């Protein structure tokens, strides 16, 4: 089978790091969102089950079929929106499930009509690359900022990465992660108490549909998922040099969310930050073999779904500094490549720089993140600078 021939240690590590970064950066928000709607412990576990199974299969299956890395995730901004709305006490679990279904239908319709992909096709590659670099730069900055609280861990990981890039470039990230874990063990920073045995089972919740929940939960969930997740997700796909059927993939995520919504899947979408780990050169020098990392990522997520209590505890046991450091270090090549592509052409340089700066600023307006506003600002700059030039000439 070709998959086993294409398998490599670097791709395996990239898949693991993708899950590590995705899970540890958002699992607490998912728990908070579920609990804000009065979820029982069994229902909270069911949310993890549905999200793990949905994300895992949406990574695993299309990556195998297309031989290209397809990386999806759950909507972290969506979870934050839900946690905030649920904290008001105005909605119960049934209302939340109904909102998940409405949002999933809207996303599936957007994918089926193809209008979102057509919009993305009009964005120049320089703007997409600038957005990619801007979204990821925050992780690069956080990697070095982590040295303030655990200097030895971050320095040891950075030195290992630099030596690895010089001596064993294919295994640089793997060696960096290994050294990070060893240092964390020596420092007694790994919280083994977070690991608890148990098998996760799905819990069905009957949806309740209301106009109030549709406006307060479903619509904001749909907007932030499309603007803060799918939009930068497409930018990272394009910026990484892959040609994927975006509309079909968005349709897939919408239908998968719809199927698993009664069990707690609130939003499955194209991954942004974590996708760059699988699609970047650290995964494998050969672009055609990087899909293995996405498959590995999908398999781990499926395992998280079924053994969510154990695996989530294991991954969240790592210290925060280790997680942000490995994320930032693994993305250095992708950030550099994005900046190079964004700024090399003089025609789009200023618009790309504006896109980058807005995206890296982290600004949030009307509940929508900086990735969306980066595209808006860059597109506006392009319009002002270039609209009508060819016609007037």
Protein backbone atom coordinates (compact mmCIF):
# COMPACT_ATOMS: atom_id res chain seq x y z
CA UNK A 1 0.00 0.00 0.00
CA UNK A 2 1.34 3.39 -0.99
CA UNK A 3 0.55 4.95 2.39
CA UNK A 4 3.06 2.73 4.19
CA UNK A 5 5.70 3.45 1.54
CA UNK A 6 5.15 7.19 2.03
CA UNK A 7 5.27 6.98 5.82
CA UNK A 8 8.15 8.73 7.56
CA UNK A 9 9.16 9.55 11.12
CA UNK A 10 8.90 13.28 10.44
CA UNK A 11 5.31 12.92 9.19
CA UNK A 12 4.36 10.82 12.22
CA UNK A 13 5.74 13.49 14.55
CA UNK A 14 4.03 16.27 12.56
CA UNK A 15 0.69 14.49 12.94
CA UNK A 16 1.23 14.10 16.68
CA UNK A 17 2.31 17.73 17.13
CA UNK A 18 -0.77 18.85 15.16
CA UNK A 19 -3.05 17.07 17.62
CA UNK A 20 -0.99 18.20 20.61
CA UNK A 21 -1.26 21.86 19.63
CA UNK A 22 -4.91 21.66 18.58
CA UNK A 23 -6.09 19.83 21.67
CA UNK A 24 -4.14 21.58 24.40
CA UNK A 25 -4.95 25.04 23.03
CA UNK A 26 -8.72 24.54 23.01
CA UNK A 27 -9.95 21.55 25.02
CA UNK A 28 -10.51 23.69 28.13
CA UNK A 29 -12.77 26.05 26.13
CA UNK A 30 -14.77 23.08 24.84
CA UNK A 31 -15.29 21.83 28.39
CA UNK A 32 -16.32 25.32 29.49
CA UNK A 33 -18.79 25.65 26.62
CA UNK A 34 -20.42 22.29 27.40
CA UNK A 35 -20.69 23.06 31.10
CA UNK A 36 -22.20 26.50 30.42
CA UNK A 37 -25.27 24.72 29.00
CA UNK A 38 -25.57 22.52 32.07
CA UNK A 39 -23.91 19.44 30.55
CA UNK A 40 -23.49 16.38 32.73
CA UNK A 41 -20.05 14.70 32.87
CA UNK A 42 -21.35 12.08 30.42
CA UNK A 43 -22.48 14.80 28.01
CA UNK A 44 -19.13 16.60 28.27
CA UNK A 45 -17.40 13.33 27.36
CA UNK A 46 -19.86 12.90 24.50
CA UNK A 47 -18.83 16.29 23.10
CA UNK A 48 -15.21 15.06 23.08
CA UNK A 49 -16.32 11.79 21.45
CA UNK A 50 -18.28 13.47 18.65
CA UNK A 51 -15.61 16.08 17.94
CA UNK A 52 -12.79 13.54 17.99
CA UNK A 53 -14.59 11.09 15.69
CA UNK A 54 -15.76 13.84 13.32
CA UNK A 55 -12.43 15.64 13.06
CA UNK A 56 -10.51 12.37 12.83
CA UNK A 57 -12.54 10.92 9.97
CA UNK A 58 -12.56 14.25 8.08
CA UNK A 59 -8.75 14.26 8.22
CA UNK A 60 -8.17 10.57 7.67
CA UNK A 61 -10.50 9.65 4.81
CA UNK A 62 -10.02 12.55 2.35
CA UNK A 63 -6.25 12.62 2.94
CA UNK A 64 -6.02 8.96 1.93
CA UNK A 65 -8.29 9.44 -1.09
CA UNK A 66 -6.70 12.67 -2.37
CA UNK A 67 -3.10 11.90 -1.36
CA UNK A 68 -2.95 15.46 -0.06
CA UNK A 69 -3.04 16.71 3.54
CA UNK A 70 -6.60 17.56 4.54
CA UNK A 71 -6.60 18.89 8.10
CA UNK A 72 -9.75 19.89 9.93
CA UNK A 73 -10.40 20.93 13.50
CA UNK A 74 -13.21 22.01 15.76
CA UNK A 75 -14.04 25.70 15.92
CA UNK A 76 -12.20 27.15 18.90
CA UNK A 77 -13.71 30.64 18.36
CA UNK A 78 -17.08 28.89 18.06
CA UNK A 79 -16.54 27.23 21.43
CA UNK A 80 -15.70 30.63 22.94
CA UNK A 81 -18.90 32.12 21.49
CA UNK A 82 -20.93 29.23 22.91
CA UNK A 83 -19.30 29.50 26.33
CA UNK A 84 -20.11 33.20 26.49
CA UNK A 85 -23.72 32.74 25.35
CA UNK A 86 -24.27 29.74 27.59
CA UNK A 87 -23.03 31.63 30.63
CA UNK A 88 -26.14 33.84 30.48
CA UNK A 89 -28.24 30.86 31.57
CA UNK A 90 -30.84 31.58 28.88
CA UNK A 91 -30.24 28.35 26.95
CA UNK A 92 -30.15 24.67 27.83
CA UNK A 93 -28.41 21.74 26.20
CA UNK A 94 -31.32 21.06 23.84
CA UNK A 95 -31.20 24.67 22.61
CA UNK A 96 -27.46 24.35 22.00
CA UNK A 97 -27.86 21.12 20.01
CA UNK A 98 -30.55 22.74 17.87
CA UNK A 99 -28.22 25.66 17.17
CA UNK A 100 -25.42 23.25 16.18
CA UNK A 101 -27.73 21.68 13.61
CA UNK A 102 -28.78 25.03 12.12
CA UNK A 103 -25.16 26.20 11.86
CA UNK A 104 -24.12 22.89 10.27
CA UNK A 105 -26.86 23.19 7.63
CA UNK A 106 -25.73 26.74 6.78
CA UNK A 107 -22.10 25.62 6.39
CA UNK A 108 -23.12 22.66 4.20
CA UNK A 109 -25.20 24.95 1.97
CA UNK A 110 -22.27 27.38 1.62
CA UNK A 111 -20.08 24.48 0.53
CA UNK A 112 -22.63 23.09 -1.93
CA UNK A 113 -23.20 26.43 -3.64
CA UNK A 114 -19.46 27.04 -4.07
CA UNK A 115 -19.68 30.79 -3.47
CA UNK A 116 -17.07 30.75 -0.70
CA UNK A 117 -14.47 29.04 -2.91
CA UNK A 118 -15.19 31.47 -5.75
CA UNK A 119 -14.59 34.35 -3.36
CA UNK A 120 -11.29 32.84 -2.21
CA UNK A 121 -10.16 32.34 -5.82
CA UNK A 122 -10.22 36.13 -6.29
CA UNK A 123 -7.71 36.71 -3.50
CA UNK A 124 -4.10 36.96 -4.84
CA UNK A 125 -1.58 34.42 -3.57
CA UNK A 126 0.45 37.25 -2.00
CA UNK A 127 -2.49 38.19 0.23
CA UNK A 128 -3.16 34.53 1.11
CA UNK A 129 0.52 34.03 1.99
CA UNK A 130 0.58 37.20 4.09
CA UNK A 131 -2.50 36.00 5.95
CA UNK A 132 -0.84 32.62 6.49
CA UNK A 133 2.29 34.25 7.93
CA UNK A 134 0.28 36.69 10.05
CA UNK A 135 -1.93 34.02 11.60
CA UNK A 136 1.08 31.85 12.43
CA UNK A 137 3.43 34.58 13.68
CA UNK A 138 1.55 34.75 16.96
CA UNK A 139 2.61 31.16 17.65
CA UNK A 140 6.21 31.98 16.81
CA UNK A 141 6.16 34.91 19.24
CA UNK A 142 4.53 32.80 21.96
CA UNK A 143 7.27 30.17 21.58
CA UNK A 144 9.95 32.66 22.55
CA UNK A 145 7.79 34.44 25.12
CA UNK A 146 7.48 31.09 26.93
CA UNK A 147 11.16 31.49 27.86
CA UNK A 148 10.04 34.04 30.47
CA UNK A 149 8.45 31.30 32.58
CA UNK A 150 10.63 28.29 31.65
CA UNK A 151 13.88 29.50 30.13
CA UNK A 152 15.79 26.21 30.22
CA UNK A 153 13.02 24.26 28.51
CA UNK A 154 12.63 26.71 25.63
CA UNK A 155 16.38 27.24 25.16
CA UNK A 156 17.03 23.49 25.14
CA UNK A 157 14.30 22.97 22.52
CA UNK A 158 15.53 25.84 20.33
CA UNK A 159 19.16 24.68 20.42
CA UNK A 160 18.05 21.13 19.60
CA UNK A 161 16.02 22.39 16.66
CA UNK A 162 18.91 24.45 15.24
CA UNK A 163 21.35 21.56 15.58
CA UNK A 164 18.75 19.21 14.13
CA UNK A 165 18.21 21.47 11.13
CA UNK A 166 21.95 21.39 10.48
CA UNK A 167 22.66 17.70 11.10
CA UNK A 168 19.33 15.83 10.71
CA UNK A 169 16.86 18.26 9.11
CA UNK A 170 14.12 15.67 8.53
CA UNK A 171 14.02 14.82 12.23
CA UNK A 172 14.59 18.28 13.71
CA UNK A 173 11.06 18.70 15.09
CA UNK A 174 10.95 15.12 16.39
CA UNK A 175 14.23 15.61 18.27
CA UNK A 176 13.03 18.98 19.58
CA UNK A 177 9.85 17.43 20.99
CA UNK A 178 11.80 14.56 22.55
CA UNK A 179 14.23 16.92 24.28
CA UNK A 180 11.31 19.06 25.47
CA UNK A 181 9.63 16.05 27.06
CA UNK A 182 12.88 14.94 28.74
CA UNK A 183 13.51 18.42 30.17
CA UNK A 184 9.90 18.63 31.39
CA UNK A 185 10.29 15.24 33.08
CA UNK A 186 13.49 16.34 34.80
CA UNK A 187 11.73 19.50 35.96
CA UNK A 188 8.72 17.46 37.20
CA UNK A 189 6.45 19.65 35.05
CA UNK A 190 4.31 16.89 33.54
CA UNK A 191 1.02 16.57 35.43
CA UNK A 192 0.40 12.82 35.41
CA UNK A 193 -2.65 13.33 37.64
CA UNK A 194 -4.49 14.66 34.57
CA UNK A 195 -4.46 11.14 33.05
CA UNK A 196 -7.55 9.13 34.05
CA UNK A 197 -8.66 5.77 32.59
CA UNK A 198 -12.03 5.39 30.89
CA UNK A 199 -13.85 4.72 27.62
CA UNK A 200 -15.95 7.56 26.17
CA UNK A 201 -19.48 6.77 25.00
CA UNK A 202 -21.81 9.01 22.95
CA UNK A 203 -24.88 10.54 24.59
CA UNK A 204 -27.80 11.59 22.37
CA UNK A 205 -29.51 14.89 23.26
CA UNK A 206 -32.84 15.82 21.69
CA UNK A 207 -32.49 19.17 19.89
CA UNK A 208 -34.77 22.10 20.65
CA UNK A 209 -35.25 24.72 17.93
CA UNK A 210 -36.10 28.33 18.74
CA UNK A 211 -35.64 31.73 17.11
CA UNK A 212 -33.80 32.96 20.15
CA UNK A 213 -31.21 30.17 19.97
CA UNK A 214 -30.94 30.51 16.19
CA UNK A 215 -30.08 34.21 16.46
CA UNK A 216 -27.99 34.10 19.65
CA UNK A 217 -26.18 30.78 19.12
CA UNK A 218 -26.46 29.37 15.58
CA UNK A 219 -25.81 32.54 13.57
CA UNK A 220 -22.75 33.71 15.58
CA UNK A 221 -21.38 30.15 15.51
CA UNK A 222 -21.74 30.04 11.72
CA UNK A 223 -20.16 33.47 11.19
CA UNK A 224 -17.10 32.93 13.38
CA UNK A 225 -16.56 29.43 11.98
CA UNK A 226 -16.54 30.73 8.40
CA UNK A 227 -14.62 33.95 9.08
CA UNK A 228 -12.17 32.86 11.76
CA UNK A 229 -11.61 29.21 10.77
CA UNK A 230 -12.55 28.33 7.19
CA UNK A 231 -11.22 31.55 5.66
CA UNK A 232 -7.69 31.30 7.13
CA UNK A 233 -7.88 27.54 6.57
CA UNK A 234 -8.28 28.09 2.83
CA UNK A 235 -5.50 30.69 2.91
CA UNK A 236 -3.13 28.19 4.50
CA UNK A 237 -4.06 25.54 1.91
CA UNK A 238 -3.33 27.96 -0.92
CA UNK A 239 -0.26 29.42 0.76
CA UNK A 240 1.18 25.93 1.24
CA UNK A 241 0.85 25.22 -2.47
CA UNK A 242 -2.00 22.72 -2.43
CA UNK A 243 -4.98 22.63 -4.75
CA UNK A 244 -7.80 21.06 -2.77
CA UNK A 245 -11.55 20.92 -3.57
CA UNK A 246 -12.45 23.58 -1.00
CA UNK A 247 -16.21 23.58 -1.60
CA UNK A 248 -16.44 19.81 -1.24
CA UNK A 249 -14.36 19.87 1.92
CA UNK A 250 -16.51 22.58 3.50
CA UNK A 251 -19.61 20.60 2.52
CA UNK A 252 -18.05 17.54 4.16
CA UNK A 253 -17.40 19.39 7.41
CA UNK A 254 -20.95 20.78 7.45
CA UNK A 255 -22.57 17.38 6.86
CA UNK A 256 -20.31 15.70 9.42
CA UNK A 257 -21.22 18.32 12.01
CA UNK A 258 -24.89 17.84 11.15
CA UNK A 259 -24.64 14.08 11.67
CA UNK A 260 -22.80 14.34 14.99
CA UNK A 261 -24.48 17.48 16.37
CA UNK A 262 -26.97 15.57 18.59
CA UNK A 263 -23.96 14.10 20.39
CA UNK A 264 -22.22 17.45 20.93
CA UNK A 265 -20.31 18.31 17.72
CA UNK A 266 -20.79 22.08 17.55
CA UNK A 267 -18.49 22.98 14.66
CA UNK A 268 -16.07 21.00 12.48
CA UNK A 269 -14.18 23.13 9.98
CA UNK A 270 -10.99 23.51 7.99
CA UNK A 271 -8.01 23.83 10.31
CA UNK A 272 -5.89 26.96 10.17
CA UNK A 273 -2.88 26.96 12.50
CA UNK A 274 -2.55 23.21 12.88
CA UNK A 275 -2.96 22.58 9.15
CA UNK A 276 0.29 24.44 8.51
CA UNK A 277 2.17 21.89 10.63
CA UNK A 278 1.08 19.00 8.41
CA UNK A 279 1.45 20.97 5.18
CA UNK A 280 4.84 22.51 5.92
CA UNK A 281 8.33 21.28 5.03
CA UNK A 282 8.93 19.99 8.55
CA UNK A 283 6.34 17.29 7.86
CA UNK A 284 8.33 15.99 4.88
CA UNK A 285 10.58 17.61 2.25
CA UNK A 286 8.50 15.96 -0.47
CA UNK A 287 5.18 17.80 -0.73
CA UNK A 288 3.51 14.68 -2.18
CA UNK A 289 4.21 12.70 1.02
CA UNK A 290 2.94 15.18 3.60
CA UNK A 291 -0.57 13.72 3.51
CA UNK A 292 0.73 11.00 5.84
CA UNK A 293 0.88 13.56 8.66
CA UNK A 294 -2.81 14.41 8.16
CA UNK A 295 -3.74 10.72 8.19
CA UNK A 296 -1.81 10.20 11.42
CA UNK A 297 -3.51 13.28 12.86
CA UNK A 298 -6.90 11.82 11.94
CA UNK A 299 -6.15 8.44 13.51
CA UNK A 300 -5.10 10.08 16.77
CA UNK A 301 -8.25 12.21 16.83
CA UNK A 302 -10.42 9.10 16.37
CA UNK A 303 -8.60 7.51 19.31
CA UNK A 304 -9.22 10.68 21.31
CA UNK A 305 -12.90 10.30 20.50
CA UNK A 306 -13.11 6.80 21.92
CA UNK A 307 -10.52 7.22 24.69
CA UNK A 308 -10.99 10.91 25.16
CA UNK A 309 -10.64 10.91 28.93
CA UNK A 310 -7.28 9.12 28.78
CA UNK A 311 -5.69 10.75 25.74
CA UNK A 312 -6.95 14.26 26.42
CA UNK A 313 -5.50 13.94 29.91
CA UNK A 314 -2.19 12.68 28.54
CA UNK A 315 -1.82 15.51 26.05
CA UNK A 316 -2.94 18.20 28.49
CA UNK A 317 -0.45 16.86 31.04
CA UNK A 318 2.40 18.55 29.14
CA UNK A 319 3.43 21.98 30.47
CA UNK A 320 2.12 25.01 28.61
CA UNK A 321 5.62 26.17 27.68
CA UNK A 322 6.40 22.89 25.92
CA UNK A 323 3.23 23.08 23.83
CA UNK A 324 3.68 26.67 22.67
CA UNK A 325 7.40 26.16 22.06
CA UNK A 326 6.99 23.09 19.85
CA UNK A 327 4.16 24.79 17.96
CA UNK A 328 6.18 27.93 17.25
CA UNK A 329 9.37 26.07 16.36
CA UNK A 330 7.54 23.65 14.05
CA UNK A 331 6.01 26.60 12.19
CA UNK A 332 9.20 28.61 11.62
CA UNK A 333 9.68 27.30 8.08
CA UNK A 334 6.06 27.94 7.14
CA UNK A 335 6.12 31.49 8.52
CA UNK A 336 9.31 32.27 6.61
CA UNK A 337 7.93 30.79 3.40
CA UNK A 338 4.71 32.75 3.73
CA UNK A 339 6.54 36.03 4.23
CA UNK A 340 8.84 35.34 1.28
CA UNK A 341 5.91 34.67 -1.06
CA UNK A 342 3.91 37.62 0.26
CA UNK A 343 6.61 40.24 -0.11
CA UNK A 344 8.64 39.18 -3.12
CA UNK A 345 6.37 40.87 -5.70
CA UNK A 346 6.37 44.68 -5.62
CA UNK A 347 2.85 44.93 -7.10
CA UNK A 348 1.13 43.46 -4.04
CA UNK A 349 3.80 44.15 -1.41
CA UNK A 350 2.08 46.93 0.54
CA UNK A 351 -1.33 45.23 0.50
CA UNK A 352 0.29 41.98 1.65
CA UNK A 353 2.15 43.81 4.43
CA UNK A 354 -1.10 45.39 5.63
CA UNK A 355 -2.75 41.97 5.59
CA UNK A 356 0.13 40.53 7.62
CA UNK A 357 0.13 43.31 10.22
CA UNK A 358 -3.63 43.22 10.77
CA UNK A 359 -3.61 39.43 11.02
CA UNK A 360 -0.72 39.39 13.49
CA UNK A 361 -2.29 42.15 15.61
CA UNK A 362 -4.91 39.81 17.04
CA UNK A 363 -7.60 42.49 16.79
CA UNK A 364 -11.19 41.30 17.26
CA UNK A 365 -14.07 43.42 15.95
CA UNK A 366 -17.73 42.41 16.34
CA UNK A 367 -16.59 39.05 17.65
CA UNK A 368 -14.70 38.22 14.44
CA UNK A 369 -10.96 37.55 14.61
CA UNK A 370 -8.01 39.25 12.96
CA UNK A 371 -7.67 36.69 10.13
CA UNK A 372 -10.89 37.92 8.56
CA UNK A 373 -10.06 41.59 9.06
CA UNK A 374 -6.61 41.00 7.61
CA UNK A 375 -8.17 39.86 4.35
CA UNK A 376 -10.59 42.79 4.42
CA UNK A 377 -7.77 45.31 4.99
CA UNK A 378 -5.54 43.76 2.34
CA UNK A 379 -8.34 43.59 -0.20
CA UNK A 380 -9.26 47.22 0.49
CA UNK A 381 -5.62 48.22 -0.02
CA UNK A 382 -5.56 46.34 -3.33
CA UNK A 383 -8.75 48.04 -4.45
CA UNK A 384 -7.49 51.54 -3.64
CA UNK A 385 -4.08 50.96 -5.23
CA UNK A 386 -4.98 49.04 -8.37
CA UNK A 387 -8.68 49.39 -9.27
CA UNK A 388 -9.11 51.09 -12.63
CA UNK A 389 -5.40 51.30 -13.43
CA UNK A 390 -5.50 48.94 -16.39
CA UNK A 391 -8.72 50.47 -17.64
CA UNK A 392 -7.36 54.04 -17.50
CA UNK A 393 -4.14 52.96 -19.17
